[in-house]
Amino acid sequence: MIEQLNEMILPPIIAMLELIGIFVVTFSALHAFWEYLQTIFLHRSFDLKVELANGLATALEFKMAAEILKTVLVREMSELLTLGAVIALRALLSILIHFELRGEHGQTDTSNVKNDE
């Protein structure tokens, strides 16, 4: 009974989480592009890398949540291996983005200290 309930309820939830992830990536990319255009034409200051990386990291979290829920629906070992590979790749991407963010914040903080002196 619970298995049938899972098969009925989880697919729409997984699809919704995947769509949210896609929406976050799209919105973040469009917002970063808009800010990039304003930086070029209006000479505004905006940290594009950090903002885009934050959006991508957030989107990856939604996509990872969907993948974790997919593990409940796995029936065969081949499906589990494929799902495990996808989760590992997304986790690696998330770690790389977080390292990039940490590096960008370190550069930003260092440049602010130099300007204050």
N, C-alpha and C. Protein backbone atom coordinates (compact mmCIF):
# COMPACT_ATOMS: atom_id res chain seq x y z
N MET A 1 0.82 -1.20 0.00
CA MET A 1 0.00 0.00 0.00
C MET A 1 0.86 1.26 0.00
N ILE A 2 1.85 1.31 0.88
CA ILE A 2 2.73 2.48 0.93
C ILE A 2 3.51 2.60 -0.37
N GLU A 3 3.90 1.47 -0.94
CA GLU A 3 4.64 1.48 -2.20
C GLU A 3 3.79 2.09 -3.32
N GLN A 4 2.52 1.75 -3.37
CA GLN A 4 1.62 2.33 -4.38
C GLN A 4 1.43 3.81 -4.14
N LEU A 5 1.33 4.20 -2.90
CA LEU A 5 1.19 5.62 -2.55
C LEU A 5 2.45 6.40 -2.97
N ASN A 6 3.63 5.81 -2.72
CA ASN A 6 4.88 6.44 -3.16
C ASN A 6 4.92 6.60 -4.67
N GLU A 7 4.51 5.56 -5.40
CA GLU A 7 4.53 5.62 -6.86
C GLU A 7 3.54 6.63 -7.41
N MET A 8 2.53 6.95 -6.65
CA MET A 8 1.54 7.91 -7.10
C MET A 8 1.93 9.35 -6.71
N ILE A 9 2.47 9.53 -5.53
CA ILE A 9 2.75 10.88 -5.02
C ILE A 9 4.13 11.40 -5.44
N LEU A 10 5.15 10.55 -5.44
CA LEU A 10 6.51 11.03 -5.67
C LEU A 10 6.78 11.58 -7.06
N PRO A 11 6.31 10.98 -8.15
CA PRO A 11 6.65 11.54 -9.48
C PRO A 11 6.27 13.02 -9.67
N PRO A 12 5.08 13.47 -9.24
CA PRO A 12 4.80 14.91 -9.38
C PRO A 12 5.70 15.79 -8.50
N ILE A 13 6.04 15.30 -7.32
CA ILE A 13 6.93 16.06 -6.43
C ILE A 13 8.32 16.16 -7.05
N ILE A 14 8.81 15.04 -7.59
CA ILE A 14 10.12 15.02 -8.23
C ILE A 14 10.13 15.96 -9.43
N ALA A 15 9.08 15.90 -10.23
CA ALA A 15 9.00 16.78 -11.41
C ALA A 15 8.96 18.24 -10.98
N MET A 16 8.25 18.55 -9.91
CA MET A 16 8.17 19.93 -9.43
C MET A 16 9.55 20.41 -8.95
N LEU A 17 10.28 19.57 -8.23
CA LEU A 17 11.62 19.94 -7.77
C LEU A 17 12.57 20.15 -8.95
N GLU A 18 12.47 19.29 -9.97
CA GLU A 18 13.29 19.45 -11.17
C GLU A 18 12.96 20.77 -11.87
N LEU A 19 11.68 21.09 -11.98
CA LEU A 19 11.27 22.34 -12.62
C LEU A 19 11.73 23.56 -11.82
N ILE A 20 11.66 23.47 -10.52
CA ILE A 20 12.14 24.58 -9.69
C ILE A 20 13.63 24.79 -9.94
N GLY A 21 14.40 23.70 -10.01
CA GLY A 21 15.82 23.80 -10.31
C GLY A 21 16.07 24.45 -11.65
N ILE A 22 15.31 24.06 -12.66
CA ILE A 22 15.44 24.65 -13.99
C ILE A 22 15.08 26.13 -13.95
N PHE A 23 14.03 26.48 -13.24
CA PHE A 23 13.62 27.88 -13.12
C PHE A 23 14.71 28.71 -12.45
N VAL A 24 15.31 28.17 -11.38
CA VAL A 24 16.34 28.91 -10.65
C VAL A 24 17.56 29.14 -11.54
N VAL A 25 17.97 28.12 -12.30
CA VAL A 25 19.10 28.29 -13.22
C VAL A 25 18.79 29.35 -14.27
N THR A 26 17.60 29.26 -14.86
CA THR A 26 17.21 30.20 -15.90
C THR A 26 17.14 31.62 -15.35
N PHE A 27 16.49 31.79 -14.22
CA PHE A 27 16.37 33.13 -13.62
C PHE A 27 17.75 33.69 -13.26
N SER A 28 18.59 32.84 -12.66
CA SER A 28 19.93 33.30 -12.26
C SER A 28 20.76 33.72 -13.48
N ALA A 29 20.67 32.94 -14.55
CA ALA A 29 21.43 33.27 -15.75
C ALA A 29 20.92 34.56 -16.38
N LEU A 30 19.61 34.71 -16.47
CA LEU A 30 19.04 35.92 -17.06
C LEU A 30 19.37 37.15 -16.19
N HIS A 31 19.27 36.99 -14.88
CA HIS A 31 19.59 38.10 -13.97
C HIS A 31 21.06 38.48 -14.09
N ALA A 32 21.94 37.48 -14.14
CA ALA A 32 23.37 37.77 -14.27
C ALA A 32 23.66 38.45 -15.60
N PHE A 33 22.99 38.01 -16.66
CA PHE A 33 23.19 38.64 -17.97
C PHE A 33 22.70 40.08 -17.96
N TRP A 34 21.58 40.33 -17.31
CA TRP A 34 21.04 41.69 -17.20
C TRP A 34 22.02 42.58 -16.43
N GLU A 35 22.53 42.08 -15.33
CA GLU A 35 23.49 42.84 -14.55
C GLU A 35 24.79 43.04 -15.33
N TYR A 36 25.18 42.06 -16.12
CA TYR A 36 26.37 42.19 -16.96
C TYR A 36 26.19 43.32 -17.97
N LEU A 37 25.01 43.38 -18.59
CA LEU A 37 24.74 44.46 -19.53
C LEU A 37 24.78 45.82 -18.84
N GLN A 38 24.22 45.90 -17.65
CA GLN A 38 24.25 47.15 -16.90
C GLN A 38 25.67 47.51 -16.49
N THR A 39 26.48 46.51 -16.19
CA THR A 39 27.88 46.76 -15.85
C THR A 39 28.62 47.36 -17.04
N ILE A 40 28.34 46.83 -18.22
CA ILE A 40 29.03 47.32 -19.42
C ILE A 40 28.56 48.72 -19.81
N PHE A 41 27.25 48.90 -19.89
CA PHE A 41 26.72 50.15 -20.43
C PHE A 41 26.56 51.26 -19.39
N LEU A 42 26.26 50.91 -18.15
CA LEU A 42 26.04 51.92 -17.12
C LEU A 42 27.20 52.00 -16.13
N HIS A 43 28.21 51.17 -16.34
CA HIS A 43 29.41 51.15 -15.50
C HIS A 43 29.07 50.94 -14.02
N ARG A 44 28.13 50.04 -13.79
CA ARG A 44 27.78 49.67 -12.42
C ARG A 44 28.71 48.56 -11.94
N SER A 45 28.83 48.45 -10.66
CA SER A 45 29.64 47.38 -10.08
C SER A 45 28.71 46.25 -9.62
N PHE A 46 29.00 45.05 -10.08
CA PHE A 46 28.18 43.90 -9.71
C PHE A 46 29.06 42.66 -9.79
N ASP A 47 29.02 41.82 -8.77
CA ASP A 47 29.83 40.61 -8.74
C ASP A 47 29.08 39.47 -9.43
N LEU A 48 29.27 39.37 -10.74
CA LEU A 48 28.53 38.40 -11.54
C LEU A 48 28.84 36.97 -11.16
N LYS A 49 30.11 36.65 -10.96
CA LYS A 49 30.49 35.27 -10.68
C LYS A 49 29.83 34.76 -9.41
N VAL A 50 29.84 35.57 -8.39
CA VAL A 50 29.27 35.14 -7.11
C VAL A 50 27.76 34.96 -7.22
N GLU A 51 27.10 35.92 -7.84
CA GLU A 51 25.65 35.83 -7.97
C GLU A 51 25.22 34.65 -8.82
N LEU A 52 25.89 34.42 -9.94
CA LEU A 52 25.55 33.29 -10.79
C LEU A 52 25.87 31.98 -10.10
N ALA A 53 27.00 31.91 -9.42
CA ALA A 53 27.35 30.69 -8.70
C ALA A 53 26.36 30.39 -7.58
N ASN A 54 25.89 31.42 -6.89
CA ASN A 54 24.86 31.22 -5.85
C ASN A 54 23.59 30.64 -6.45
N GLY A 55 23.18 31.17 -7.60
CA GLY A 55 21.99 30.65 -8.26
C GLY A 55 22.17 29.21 -8.71
N LEU A 56 23.32 28.90 -9.26
CA LEU A 56 23.58 27.53 -9.69
C LEU A 56 23.64 26.57 -8.51
N ALA A 57 24.24 26.99 -7.42
CA ALA A 57 24.30 26.15 -6.23
C ALA A 57 22.90 25.89 -5.67
N THR A 58 22.07 26.91 -5.67
CA THR A 58 20.69 26.73 -5.19
C THR A 58 19.92 25.78 -6.09
N ALA A 59 20.09 25.94 -7.40
CA ALA A 59 19.41 25.05 -8.34
C ALA A 59 19.88 23.61 -8.16
N LEU A 60 21.17 23.42 -7.94
CA LEU A 60 21.68 22.07 -7.73
C LEU A 60 21.10 21.44 -6.47
N GLU A 61 20.84 22.23 -5.46
CA GLU A 61 20.23 21.69 -4.25
C GLU A 61 18.82 21.15 -4.54
N PHE A 62 18.05 21.88 -5.34
CA PHE A 62 16.72 21.39 -5.72
C PHE A 62 16.83 20.12 -6.55
N LYS A 63 17.78 20.10 -7.50
CA LYS A 63 17.96 18.92 -8.34
C LYS A 63 18.41 17.72 -7.51
N MET A 64 19.28 17.96 -6.52
CA MET A 64 19.72 16.87 -5.64
C MET A 64 18.56 16.33 -4.81
N ALA A 65 17.69 17.22 -4.37
CA ALA A 65 16.51 16.77 -3.61
C ALA A 65 15.65 15.85 -4.46
N ALA A 66 15.49 16.21 -5.73
CA ALA A 66 14.71 15.36 -6.64
C ALA A 66 15.39 14.00 -6.81
N GLU A 67 16.70 13.99 -6.96
CA GLU A 67 17.43 12.74 -7.13
C GLU A 67 17.32 11.86 -5.88
N ILE A 68 17.37 12.47 -4.71
CA ILE A 68 17.24 11.70 -3.48
C ILE A 68 15.87 11.06 -3.40
N LEU A 69 14.83 11.80 -3.80
CA LEU A 69 13.49 11.22 -3.79
C LEU A 69 13.37 10.09 -4.83
N LYS A 70 14.11 10.18 -5.91
CA LYS A 70 14.07 9.12 -6.93
C LYS A 70 14.60 7.80 -6.40
N THR A 71 15.46 7.86 -5.38
CA THR A 71 16.01 6.62 -4.84
C THR A 71 14.91 5.75 -4.23
N VAL A 72 13.83 6.35 -3.81
CA VAL A 72 12.72 5.59 -3.24
C VAL A 72 12.04 4.75 -4.32
N LEU A 73 12.06 5.21 -5.56
CA LEU A 73 11.36 4.54 -6.65
C LEU A 73 12.22 3.52 -7.40
N VAL A 74 13.50 3.39 -7.04
CA VAL A 74 14.41 2.50 -7.76
C VAL A 74 14.01 1.05 -7.54
N ARG A 75 14.00 0.28 -8.64
CA ARG A 75 13.63 -1.13 -8.56
C ARG A 75 14.76 -2.08 -8.96
N GLU A 76 15.67 -1.62 -9.83
CA GLU A 76 16.73 -2.49 -10.31
C GLU A 76 18.09 -1.90 -9.98
N MET A 77 19.09 -2.77 -9.95
CA MET A 77 20.45 -2.33 -9.63
C MET A 77 20.98 -1.37 -10.68
N SER A 78 20.66 -1.58 -11.96
CA SER A 78 21.15 -0.68 -13.01
C SER A 78 20.59 0.73 -12.82
N GLU A 79 19.34 0.83 -12.39
CA GLU A 79 18.75 2.14 -12.10
C GLU A 79 19.47 2.80 -10.93
N LEU A 80 19.80 2.01 -9.94
CA LEU A 80 20.48 2.54 -8.76
C LEU A 80 21.87 3.04 -9.12
N LEU A 81 22.59 2.30 -9.97
CA LEU A 81 23.92 2.73 -10.39
C LEU A 81 23.85 4.02 -11.19
N THR A 82 22.89 4.13 -12.10
CA THR A 82 22.73 5.35 -12.88
C THR A 82 22.38 6.51 -11.97
N LEU A 83 21.46 6.30 -11.07
CA LEU A 83 21.06 7.35 -10.13
C LEU A 83 22.22 7.75 -9.23
N GLY A 84 23.00 6.78 -8.78
CA GLY A 84 24.17 7.07 -7.96
C GLY A 84 25.19 7.92 -8.71
N ALA A 85 25.38 7.62 -10.00
CA ALA A 85 26.32 8.40 -10.80
C ALA A 85 25.83 9.83 -10.97
N VAL A 86 24.54 10.01 -11.20
CA VAL A 86 23.98 11.35 -11.35
C VAL A 86 24.12 12.13 -10.05
N ILE A 87 23.83 11.49 -8.93
CA ILE A 87 23.96 12.15 -7.63
C ILE A 87 25.42 12.53 -7.37
N ALA A 88 26.34 11.63 -7.69
CA ALA A 88 27.76 11.92 -7.48
C ALA A 88 28.21 13.10 -8.33
N LEU A 89 27.79 13.16 -9.59
CA LEU A 89 28.16 14.28 -10.46
C LEU A 89 27.58 15.59 -9.96
N ARG A 90 26.35 15.58 -9.54
CA ARG A 90 25.73 16.81 -9.04
C ARG A 90 26.38 17.25 -7.73
N ALA A 91 26.74 16.29 -6.89
CA ALA A 91 27.42 16.64 -5.64
C ALA A 91 28.79 17.24 -5.95
N LEU A 92 29.51 16.67 -6.91
CA LEU A 92 30.80 17.21 -7.30
C LEU A 92 30.66 18.63 -7.84
N LEU A 93 29.66 18.85 -8.69
CA LEU A 93 29.40 20.20 -9.19
C LEU A 93 29.10 21.17 -8.06
N SER A 94 28.32 20.73 -7.11
CA SER A 94 27.97 21.58 -5.98
C SER A 94 29.21 21.93 -5.17
N ILE A 95 30.08 20.96 -4.94
CA ILE A 95 31.32 21.22 -4.19
C ILE A 95 32.20 22.20 -4.95
N LEU A 96 32.33 22.01 -6.26
CA LEU A 96 33.15 22.92 -7.07
C LEU A 96 32.60 24.35 -7.04
N ILE A 97 31.30 24.49 -7.11
CA ILE A 97 30.70 25.82 -7.05
C ILE A 97 30.95 26.47 -5.69
N HIS A 98 30.83 25.67 -4.63
CA HIS A 98 31.08 26.23 -3.30
C HIS A 98 32.54 26.66 -3.13
N PHE A 99 33.48 25.88 -3.69
CA PHE A 99 34.89 26.30 -3.65
C PHE A 99 35.10 27.57 -4.44
N GLU A 100 34.43 27.69 -5.58
CA GLU A 100 34.53 28.91 -6.39
C GLU A 100 33.98 30.10 -5.61
N LEU A 101 32.87 29.91 -4.94
CA LEU A 101 32.30 30.99 -4.13
C LEU A 101 33.23 31.38 -3.00
N ARG A 102 33.80 30.40 -2.35
CA ARG A 102 34.72 30.68 -1.25
C ARG A 102 35.93 31.46 -1.77
N GLY A 103 36.45 31.08 -2.93
CA GLY A 103 37.57 31.80 -3.52
C GLY A 103 37.21 33.22 -3.90
N GLU A 104 36.03 33.42 -4.46
CA GLU A 104 35.59 34.77 -4.83
C GLU A 104 35.38 35.64 -3.60
N HIS A 105 34.80 35.07 -2.54
CA HIS A 105 34.61 35.85 -1.31
C HIS A 105 35.95 36.21 -0.70
N GLY A 106 36.93 35.31 -0.78
CA GLY A 106 38.26 35.59 -0.25
C GLY A 106 38.92 36.73 -1.00
N GLN A 107 38.77 36.76 -2.33
CA GLN A 107 39.34 37.83 -3.13
C GLN A 107 38.65 39.15 -2.84
N THR A 108 37.34 39.11 -2.69
CA THR A 108 36.57 40.32 -2.40
C THR A 108 36.96 40.90 -1.05
N ASP A 109 37.07 40.01 -0.03
CA ASP A 109 37.43 40.48 1.30
C ASP A 109 38.83 41.06 1.32
N THR A 110 39.77 40.44 0.61
CA THR A 110 41.15 40.93 0.57
C THR A 110 41.22 42.29 -0.11
N SER A 111 40.47 42.47 -1.20
CA SER A 111 40.52 43.75 -1.91
C SER A 111 39.91 44.86 -1.06
N ASN A 112 38.90 44.54 -0.26
CA ASN A 112 38.31 45.54 0.61
C ASN A 112 39.27 45.98 1.70
N VAL A 113 40.06 45.05 2.22
CA VAL A 113 41.02 45.37 3.27
C VAL A 113 42.10 46.28 2.70
N LYS A 114 42.57 45.99 1.51
CA LYS A 114 43.61 46.80 0.89
C LYS A 114 43.12 48.22 0.63
N ASN A 115 41.85 48.36 0.25
CA ASN A 115 41.32 49.70 -0.03
C ASN A 115 41.15 50.52 1.24
N ASP A 116 40.90 49.86 2.37
CA ASP A 116 40.71 50.57 3.62
C ASP A 116 42.01 51.13 4.18
N GLU A 117 43.13 50.49 3.84
CA GLU A 117 44.42 50.93 4.38
C GLU A 117 44.87 52.12 3.73
